[in-house]
């Protein structure tokens, strides 16, 4: 249950960061786009965001796992070097 809840939290956090960055970029831009009246464009963007968020969460978790395994490997190497002294 914890992993399911944590995964949901990660997805919501990633979506929030993406939306905040989009808002920040829109506010900072010098050229503003005209407002689209097409509902399909908003729907396409929502589906794209919903599809990209789980992929980004998976990449974040894989990167974290790689970092932790690299840190454990380096720790073992340092312990071996210290024990040789």
PDB file of N, CA and C in Angstrom:
ATOM      1  N   UNK A   1       0.815  -1.193   0.000  1.00  0.00           N
ATOM      2  CA  UNK A   1       0.000   0.000   0.000  1.00  0.00           C
ATOM      3  C   UNK A   1       0.867   1.268   0.000  1.00  0.00           C
ATOM      4  N   UNK A   2       1.990   1.173   0.737  1.00  0.00           N
ATOM      5  CA  UNK A   2       2.864   2.333   0.804  1.00  0.00           C
ATOM      6  C   UNK A   2       3.421   2.685  -0.572  1.00  0.00           C
ATOM      7  N   UNK A   3       3.854   1.677  -1.324  1.00  0.00           N
ATOM      8  CA  UNK A   3       4.435   1.949  -2.640  1.00  0.00           C
ATOM      9  C   UNK A   3       3.413   2.561  -3.587  1.00  0.00           C
ATOM     10  N   UNK A   4       2.175   2.115  -3.497  1.00  0.00           N
ATOM     11  CA  UNK A   4       1.123   2.688  -4.341  1.00  0.00           C
ATOM     12  C   UNK A   4       0.880   4.151  -3.977  1.00  0.00           C
ATOM     13  N   UNK A   5       0.819   4.434  -2.697  1.00  0.00           N
ATOM     14  CA  UNK A   5       0.624   5.811  -2.236  1.00  0.00           C
ATOM     15  C   UNK A   5       1.819   6.685  -2.612  1.00  0.00           C
ATOM     16  N   UNK A   6       3.018   6.150  -2.440  1.00  0.00           N
ATOM     17  CA  UNK A   6       4.218   6.905  -2.782  1.00  0.00           C
ATOM     18  C   UNK A   6       4.286   7.180  -4.278  1.00  0.00           C
ATOM     19  N   UNK A   7       3.909   6.198  -5.083  1.00  0.00           N
ATOM     20  CA  UNK A   7       3.904   6.398  -6.536  1.00  0.00           C
ATOM     21  C   UNK A   7       2.902   7.475  -6.933  1.00  0.00           C
ATOM     22  N   UNK A   8       1.733   7.471  -6.319  1.00  0.00           N
ATOM     23  CA  UNK A   8       0.744   8.518  -6.586  1.00  0.00           C
ATOM     24  C   UNK A   8       1.259   9.887  -6.201  1.00  0.00           C
ATOM     25  N   UNK A   9       1.913   9.958  -5.043  1.00  0.00           N
ATOM     26  CA  UNK A   9       2.489  11.224  -4.607  1.00  0.00           C
ATOM     27  C   UNK A   9       3.551  11.710  -5.588  1.00  0.00           C
ATOM     28  N   UNK A  10       4.398  10.801  -6.051  1.00  0.00           N
ATOM     29  CA  UNK A  10       5.451  11.175  -7.006  1.00  0.00           C
ATOM     30  C   UNK A  10       4.849  11.700  -8.304  1.00  0.00           C
ATOM     31  N   UNK A  11       3.794  11.056  -8.787  1.00  0.00           N
ATOM     32  CA  UNK A  11       3.161  11.519 -10.029  1.00  0.00           C
ATOM     33  C   UNK A  11       2.585  12.911  -9.846  1.00  0.00           C
ATOM     34  N   UNK A  12       1.900  13.135  -8.717  1.00  0.00           N
ATOM     35  CA  UNK A  12       1.328  14.460  -8.459  1.00  0.00           C
ATOM     36  C   UNK A  12       2.429  15.509  -8.326  1.00  0.00           C
ATOM     37  N   UNK A  13       3.526  15.156  -7.674  1.00  0.00           N
ATOM     38  CA  UNK A  13       4.630  16.103  -7.515  1.00  0.00           C
ATOM     39  C   UNK A  13       5.257  16.451  -8.857  1.00  0.00           C
ATOM     40  N   UNK A  14       5.444  15.464  -9.708  1.00  0.00           N
ATOM     41  CA  UNK A  14       6.041  15.715 -11.026  1.00  0.00           C
ATOM     42  C   UNK A  14       5.109  16.591 -11.865  1.00  0.00           C
ATOM     43  N   UNK A  15       3.826  16.308 -11.842  1.00  0.00           N
ATOM     44  CA  UNK A  15       2.862  17.126 -12.595  1.00  0.00           C
ATOM     45  C   UNK A  15       2.866  18.561 -12.074  1.00  0.00           C
ATOM     46  N   UNK A  16       2.926  18.724 -10.755  1.00  0.00           N
ATOM     47  CA  UNK A  16       2.939  20.071 -10.183  1.00  0.00           C
ATOM     48  C   UNK A  16       4.181  20.842 -10.614  1.00  0.00           C
ATOM     49  N   UNK A  17       5.333  20.189 -10.613  1.00  0.00           N
ATOM     50  CA  UNK A  17       6.571  20.862 -11.026  1.00  0.00           C
ATOM     51  C   UNK A  17       6.511  21.230 -12.502  1.00  0.00           C
ATOM     52  N   UNK A  18       5.999  20.332 -13.337  1.00  0.00           N
ATOM     53  CA  UNK A  18       5.878  20.625 -14.773  1.00  0.00           C
ATOM     54  C   UNK A  18       4.963  21.826 -14.993  1.00  0.00           C
ATOM     55  N   UNK A  19       3.818  21.832 -14.318  1.00  0.00           N
ATOM     56  CA  UNK A  19       2.883  22.945 -14.499  1.00  0.00           C
ATOM     57  C   UNK A  19       3.446  24.260 -13.975  1.00  0.00           C
ATOM     58  N   UNK A  20       4.166  24.220 -12.858  1.00  0.00           N
ATOM     59  CA  UNK A  20       4.787  25.445 -12.349  1.00  0.00           C
ATOM     60  C   UNK A  20       5.853  25.963 -13.305  1.00  0.00           C
ATOM     61  N   UNK A  21       6.642  25.057 -13.885  1.00  0.00           N
ATOM     62  CA  UNK A  21       7.660  25.483 -14.845  1.00  0.00           C
ATOM     63  C   UNK A  21       7.024  26.056 -16.111  1.00  0.00           C
ATOM     64  N   UNK A  22       5.919  25.471 -16.545  1.00  0.00           N
ATOM     65  CA  UNK A  22       5.219  26.009 -17.715  1.00  0.00           C
ATOM     66  C   UNK A  22       4.684  27.406 -17.430  1.00  0.00           C
ATOM     67  N   UNK A  23       4.136  27.603 -16.242  1.00  0.00           N
ATOM     68  CA  UNK A  23       3.613  28.924 -15.873  1.00  0.00           C
ATOM     69  C   UNK A  23       4.745  29.938 -15.757  1.00  0.00           C
ATOM     70  N   UNK A  24       5.867  29.517 -15.184  1.00  0.00           N
ATOM     71  CA  UNK A  24       7.018  30.407 -15.058  1.00  0.00           C
ATOM     72  C   UNK A  24       7.571  30.788 -16.430  1.00  0.00           C
ATOM     73  N   UNK A  25       7.662  29.822 -17.333  1.00  0.00           N
ATOM     74  CA  UNK A  25       8.169  30.104 -18.675  1.00  0.00           C
ATOM     75  C   UNK A  25       7.221  31.016 -19.436  1.00  0.00           C
ATOM     76  N   UNK A  26       5.913  30.817 -19.254  1.00  0.00           N
ATOM     77  CA  UNK A  26       4.945  31.672 -19.938  1.00  0.00           C
ATOM     78  C   UNK A  26       5.002  33.100 -19.413  1.00  0.00           C
ATOM     79  N   UNK A  27       5.193  33.254 -18.128  1.00  0.00           N
ATOM     80  CA  UNK A  27       5.275  34.599 -17.555  1.00  0.00           C
ATOM     81  C   UNK A  27       6.565  35.302 -17.949  1.00  0.00           C
ATOM     82  N   UNK A  28       7.633  34.535 -18.130  1.00  0.00           N
ATOM     83  CA  UNK A  28       8.935  35.118 -18.437  1.00  0.00           C
ATOM     84  C   UNK A  28       9.122  35.405 -19.926  1.00  0.00           C
ATOM     85  N   UNK A  29       8.327  34.775 -20.774  1.00  0.00           N
ATOM     86  CA  UNK A  29       8.536  34.911 -22.218  1.00  0.00           C
ATOM     87  C   UNK A  29       8.187  36.323 -22.696  1.00  0.00           C
ATOM     88  N   UNK A  30       8.860  36.738 -23.734  1.00  0.00           N
ATOM     89  CA  UNK A  30       8.610  38.069 -24.283  1.00  0.00           C
ATOM     90  C   UNK A  30       7.538  38.037 -25.363  1.00  0.00           C
ATOM     91  N   UNK A  31       7.351  36.883 -25.994  1.00  0.00           N
ATOM     92  CA  UNK A  31       6.325  36.720 -27.017  1.00  0.00           C
ATOM     93  C   UNK A  31       5.262  35.789 -26.462  1.00  0.00           C
ATOM     94  N   UNK A  32       4.036  36.282 -26.408  1.00  0.00           N
ATOM     95  CA  UNK A  32       2.950  35.492 -25.848  1.00  0.00           C
ATOM     96  C   UNK A  32       2.086  34.926 -26.963  1.00  0.00           C
ATOM     97  N   UNK A  33       1.691  33.673 -26.785  1.00  0.00           N
ATOM     98  CA  UNK A  33       0.837  33.017 -27.769  1.00  0.00           C
ATOM     99  C   UNK A  33      -0.599  33.493 -27.585  1.00  0.00           C
ATOM    100  N   UNK A  34      -1.349  33.466 -28.678  1.00  0.00           N
ATOM    101  CA  UNK A  34      -2.764  33.822 -28.573  1.00  0.00           C
ATOM    102  C   UNK A  34      -3.519  32.655 -27.966  1.00  0.00           C
ATOM    103  N   UNK A  35      -4.579  32.953 -27.279  1.00  0.00           N
ATOM    104  CA  UNK A  35      -5.387  31.930 -26.620  1.00  0.00           C
ATOM    105  C   UNK A  35      -6.137  31.112 -27.655  1.00  0.00           C
ATOM    106  N   UNK A  36      -6.012  29.810 -27.557  1.00  0.00           N
ATOM    107  CA  UNK A  36      -6.706  28.922 -28.496  1.00  0.00           C
ATOM    108  C   UNK A  36      -8.130  28.671 -28.014  1.00  0.00           C
ATOM    109  N   UNK A  37      -9.036  28.688 -28.936  1.00  0.00           N
ATOM    110  CA  UNK A  37     -10.422  28.365 -28.615  1.00  0.00           C
ATOM    111  C   UNK A  37     -10.709  26.890 -28.858  1.00  0.00           C
ATOM    112  N   UNK A  38      -9.735  26.198 -29.413  1.00  0.00           N
ATOM    113  CA  UNK A  38      -9.899  24.786 -29.734  1.00  0.00           C
ATOM    114  C   UNK A  38      -9.779  23.955 -28.463  1.00  0.00           C
ATOM    115  N   UNK A  39     -10.840  23.244 -28.114  1.00  0.00           N
ATOM    116  CA  UNK A  39     -10.829  22.402 -26.918  1.00  0.00           C
ATOM    117  C   UNK A  39      -9.930  21.180 -27.098  1.00  0.00           C
ATOM    118  N   UNK A  40      -9.746  20.761 -28.345  1.00  0.00           N
ATOM    119  CA  UNK A  40      -8.910  19.598 -28.607  1.00  0.00           C
ATOM    120  C   UNK A  40      -7.445  19.850 -28.232  1.00  0.00           C
ATOM    121  N   UNK A  41      -6.987  21.065 -28.387  1.00  0.00           N
ATOM    122  CA  UNK A  41      -5.599  21.388 -28.037  1.00  0.00           C
ATOM    123  C   UNK A  41      -5.383  21.232 -26.534  1.00  0.00           C
ATOM    124  N   UNK A  42      -6.329  21.686 -25.734  1.00  0.00           N
ATOM    125  CA  UNK A  42      -6.215  21.546 -24.279  1.00  0.00           C
ATOM    126  C   UNK A  42      -6.290  20.079 -23.880  1.00  0.00           C
ATOM    127  N   UNK A  43      -7.146  19.338 -24.527  1.00  0.00           N
ATOM    128  CA  UNK A  43      -7.287  17.916 -24.228  1.00  0.00           C
ATOM    129  C   UNK A  43      -6.011  17.162 -24.619  1.00  0.00           C
ATOM    130  N   UNK A  44      -5.438  17.495 -25.766  1.00  0.00           N
ATOM    131  CA  UNK A  44      -4.199  16.848 -26.210  1.00  0.00           C
ATOM    132  C   UNK A  44      -3.070  17.130 -25.234  1.00  0.00           C
ATOM    133  N   UNK A  45      -2.991  18.369 -24.752  1.00  0.00           N
ATOM    134  CA  UNK A  45      -1.944  18.710 -23.798  1.00  0.00           C
ATOM    135  C   UNK A  45      -2.149  17.973 -22.475  1.00  0.00           C
ATOM    136  N   UNK A  46      -3.384  17.841 -22.034  1.00  0.00           N
ATOM    137  CA  UNK A  46      -3.664  17.125 -20.787  1.00  0.00           C
ATOM    138  C   UNK A  46      -3.290  15.650 -20.915  1.00  0.00           C
ATOM    139  N   UNK A  47      -3.617  15.029 -22.047  1.00  0.00           N
ATOM    140  CA  UNK A  47      -3.264  13.629 -22.250  1.00  0.00           C
ATOM    141  C   UNK A  47      -1.747  13.457 -22.366  1.00  0.00           C
ATOM    142  N   UNK A  48      -1.082  14.405 -22.992  1.00  0.00           N
ATOM    143  CA  UNK A  48       0.376  14.341 -23.097  1.00  0.00           C
ATOM    144  C   UNK A  48       1.023  14.444 -21.725  1.00  0.00           C
ATOM    145  N   UNK A  49       0.515  15.339 -20.904  1.00  0.00           N
ATOM    146  CA  UNK A  49       1.042  15.500 -19.552  1.00  0.00           C
ATOM    147  C   UNK A  49       0.759  14.255 -18.712  1.00  0.00           C
ATOM    148  N   UNK A  50      -0.436  13.695 -18.870  1.00  0.00           N
ATOM    149  CA  UNK A  50      -0.786  12.480 -18.122  1.00  0.00           C
ATOM    150  C   UNK A  50       0.051  11.286 -18.578  1.00  0.00           C
ATOM    151  N   UNK A  51       0.438  11.262 -19.825  1.00  0.00           N
ATOM    152  CA  UNK A  51       1.272  10.164 -20.313  1.00  0.00           C
ATOM    153  C   UNK A  51       2.737  10.324 -19.975  1.00  0.00           C
ATOM    154  N   UNK A  52       3.216  11.558 -19.967  1.00  0.00           N
ATOM    155  CA  UNK A  52       4.637  11.802 -19.707  1.00  0.00           C
ATOM    156  C   UNK A  52       4.975  11.728 -18.223  1.00  0.00           C
ATOM    157  N   UNK A  53       4.036  12.023 -17.361  1.00  0.00           N
ATOM    158  CA  UNK A  53       4.322  12.058 -15.924  1.00  0.00           C
ATOM    159  C   UNK A  53       4.753  10.707 -15.356  1.00  0.00           C
ATOM    160  N   UNK A  54       4.043   9.616 -15.636  1.00  0.00           N
ATOM    161  CA  UNK A  54       4.521   8.324 -15.107  1.00  0.00           C
ATOM    162  C   UNK A  54       5.892   7.931 -15.665  1.00  0.00           C
ATOM    163  N   UNK A  55       6.155   8.290 -16.899  1.00  0.00           N
ATOM    164  CA  UNK A  55       7.467   7.987 -17.482  1.00  0.00           C
ATOM    165  C   UNK A  55       8.549   8.771 -16.743  1.00  0.00           C
ATOM    166  N   UNK A  56       8.290  10.037 -16.454  1.00  0.00           N
ATOM    167  CA  UNK A  56       9.262  10.847 -15.720  1.00  0.00           C
ATOM    168  C   UNK A  56       9.474  10.311 -14.307  1.00  0.00           C
ATOM    169  N   UNK A  57       8.395   9.875 -13.654  1.00  0.00           N
ATOM    170  CA  UNK A  57       8.521   9.293 -12.316  1.00  0.00           C
ATOM    171  C   UNK A  57       9.378   8.037 -12.377  1.00  0.00           C
ATOM    172  N   UNK A  58       9.155   7.203 -13.369  1.00  0.00           N
ATOM    173  CA  UNK A  58       9.949   5.987 -13.517  1.00  0.00           C
ATOM    174  C   UNK A  58      11.422   6.314 -13.741  1.00  0.00           C
ATOM    175  N   UNK A  59      11.696   7.310 -14.579  1.00  0.00           N
ATOM    176  CA  UNK A  59      13.082   7.714 -14.816  1.00  0.00           C
ATOM    177  C   UNK A  59      13.724   8.288 -13.560  1.00  0.00           C
ATOM    178  N   UNK A  60      12.965   9.041 -12.770  1.00  0.00           N
ATOM    179  CA  UNK A  60      13.485   9.584 -11.514  1.00  0.00           C
ATOM    180  C   UNK A  60      13.838   8.450 -10.563  1.00  0.00           C
ATOM    181  N   UNK A  61      12.939   7.466 -10.433  1.00  0.00           N
ATOM    182  CA  UNK A  61      13.188   6.352  -9.527  1.00  0.00           C
ATOM    183  C   UNK A  61      14.365   5.492 -10.005  1.00  0.00           C
ATOM    184  N   UNK A  62      14.480   5.272 -11.310  1.00  0.00           N
ATOM    185  CA  UNK A  62      15.608   4.512 -11.837  1.00  0.00           C
ATOM    186  C   UNK A  62      16.926   5.256 -11.612  1.00  0.00           C
ATOM    187  N   UNK A  63      16.913   6.560 -11.826  1.00  0.00           N
ATOM    188  CA  UNK A  63      18.115   7.354 -11.580  1.00  0.00           C
ATOM    189  C   UNK A  63      18.518   7.337 -10.119  1.00  0.00           C
ATOM    190  N   UNK A  64      17.522   7.411  -9.243  1.00  0.00           N
ATOM    191  CA  UNK A  64      17.799   7.350  -7.814  1.00  0.00           C
ATOM    192  C   UNK A  64      18.383   5.995  -7.441  1.00  0.00           C
ATOM    193  N   UNK A  65      17.817   4.937  -8.001  1.00  0.00           N
ATOM    194  CA  UNK A  65      18.327   3.597  -7.728  1.00  0.00           C
ATOM    195  C   UNK A  65      19.749   3.416  -8.217  1.00  0.00           C
ATOM    196  N   UNK A  66      20.038   3.939  -9.395  1.00  0.00           N
ATOM    197  CA  UNK A  66      21.402   3.867  -9.920  1.00  0.00           C
ATOM    198  C   UNK A  66      22.371   4.650  -9.041  1.00  0.00           C
ATOM    199  N   UNK A  67      21.943   5.801  -8.582  1.00  0.00           N
ATOM    200  CA  UNK A  67      22.788   6.618  -7.721  1.00  0.00           C
ATOM    201  C   UNK A  67      23.065   5.900  -6.407  1.00  0.00           C
ATOM    202  N   UNK A  68      22.031   5.282  -5.818  1.00  0.00           N
ATOM    203  CA  UNK A  68      22.220   4.591  -4.546  1.00  0.00           C
ATOM    204  C   UNK A  68      23.102   3.356  -4.706  1.00  0.00           C
ATOM    205  N   UNK A  69      22.938   2.635  -5.803  1.00  0.00           N
ATOM    206  CA  UNK A  69      23.792   1.461  -6.007  1.00  0.00           C
ATOM    207  C   UNK A  69      25.237   1.882  -6.280  1.00  0.00           C
ATOM    208  N   UNK A  70      25.425   2.981  -6.986  1.00  0.00           N
ATOM    209  CA  UNK A  70      26.777   3.494  -7.204  1.00  0.00           C
ATOM    210  C   UNK A  70      27.403   3.935  -5.889  1.00  0.00           C
ATOM    211  N   UNK A  71      26.616   4.585  -5.041  1.00  0.00           N
ATOM    212  CA  UNK A  71      27.131   5.020  -3.738  1.00  0.00           C
ATOM    213  C   UNK A  71      27.506   3.820  -2.882  1.00  0.00           C
ATOM    214  N   UNK A  72      26.699   2.755  -2.905  1.00  0.00           N
ATOM    215  CA  UNK A  72      27.021   1.556  -2.130  1.00  0.00           C
ATOM    216  C   UNK A  72      28.284   0.889  -2.676  1.00  0.00           C
ATOM    217  N   UNK A  73      28.411   0.867  -3.986  1.00  0.00           N
ATOM    218  CA  UNK A  73      29.604   0.279  -4.604  1.00  0.00           C
ATOM    219  C   UNK A  73      30.854   1.074  -4.225  1.00  0.00           C
ATOM    220  N   UNK A  74      30.770   2.377  -4.276  1.00  0.00           N
ATOM    221  CA  UNK A  74      31.915   3.215  -3.890  1.00  0.00           C
ATOM    222  C   UNK A  74      32.244   3.058  -2.413  1.00  0.00           C
ATOM    223  N   UNK A  75      31.237   2.882  -1.574  1.00  0.00           N
ATOM    224  CA  UNK A  75      31.464   2.680  -0.147  1.00  0.00           C
ATOM    225  C   UNK A  75      32.238   1.378   0.092  1.00  0.00           C
ATOM    226  N   UNK A  76      31.860   0.311  -0.643  1.00  0.00           N
ATOM    227  CA  UNK A  76      32.574  -0.956  -0.514  1.00  0.00           C
ATOM    228  C   UNK A  76      34.034  -0.827  -0.981  1.00  0.00           C
ATOM    229  N   UNK A  77      34.235  -0.099  -2.057  1.00  0.00           N
ATOM    230  CA  UNK A  77      35.606   0.104  -2.551  1.00  0.00           C
ATOM    231  C   UNK A  77      36.437   0.858  -1.517  1.00  0.00           C
ATOM    232  N   UNK A  78      35.855   1.898  -0.921  1.00  0.00           N
ATOM    233  CA  UNK A  78      36.589   2.666   0.099  1.00  0.00           C
ATOM    234  C   UNK A  78      36.882   1.814   1.323  1.00  0.00           C
ATOM    235  N   UNK A  79      35.960   0.935   1.719  1.00  0.00           N
ATOM    236  CA  UNK A  79      36.205   0.055   2.860  1.00  0.00           C
ATOM    237  C   UNK A  79      37.341  -0.914   2.566  1.00  0.00           C
ATOM    238  N   UNK A  80      37.390  -1.432   1.341  1.00  0.00           N
ATOM    239  CA  UNK A  80      38.491  -2.329   0.972  1.00  0.00           C
ATOM    240  C   UNK A  80      39.823  -1.594   0.977  1.00  0.00           C
ATOM    241  N   UNK A  81      39.828  -0.360   0.485  1.00  0.00           N
ATOM    242  CA  UNK A  81      41.079   0.413   0.474  1.00  0.00           C
ATOM    243  C   UNK A  81      41.540   0.737   1.896  1.00  0.00           C
ATOM    244  N   UNK A  82      40.602   1.029   2.781  1.00  0.00           N
ATOM    245  CA  UNK A  82      40.962   1.327   4.165  1.00  0.00           C
ATOM    246  C   UNK A  82      41.462   0.095   4.899  1.00  0.00           C
ATOM    247  N   UNK A  83      40.903  -1.061   4.576  1.00  0.00           N
ATOM    248  CA  UNK A  83      41.317  -2.289   5.253  1.00  0.00           C
ATOM    249  C   UNK A  83      42.704  -2.750   4.806  1.00  0.00           C
ATOM    250  N   UNK A  84      43.184  -2.319   3.679  1.00  0.00           N
ATOM    251  CA  UNK A  84      44.523  -2.699   3.178  1.00  0.00           C
ATOM    252  C   UNK A  84      45.633  -1.950   3.903  1.00  0.00           C
ATOM    253  N   UNK A  85      45.328  -0.890   4.557  1.00  0.00           N
ATOM    254  CA  UNK A  85      46.358  -0.082   5.229  1.00  0.00           C
ATOM    255  C   UNK A  85      46.900  -0.765   6.424  1.00  0.00           C
TER     256      UNK A  85
END
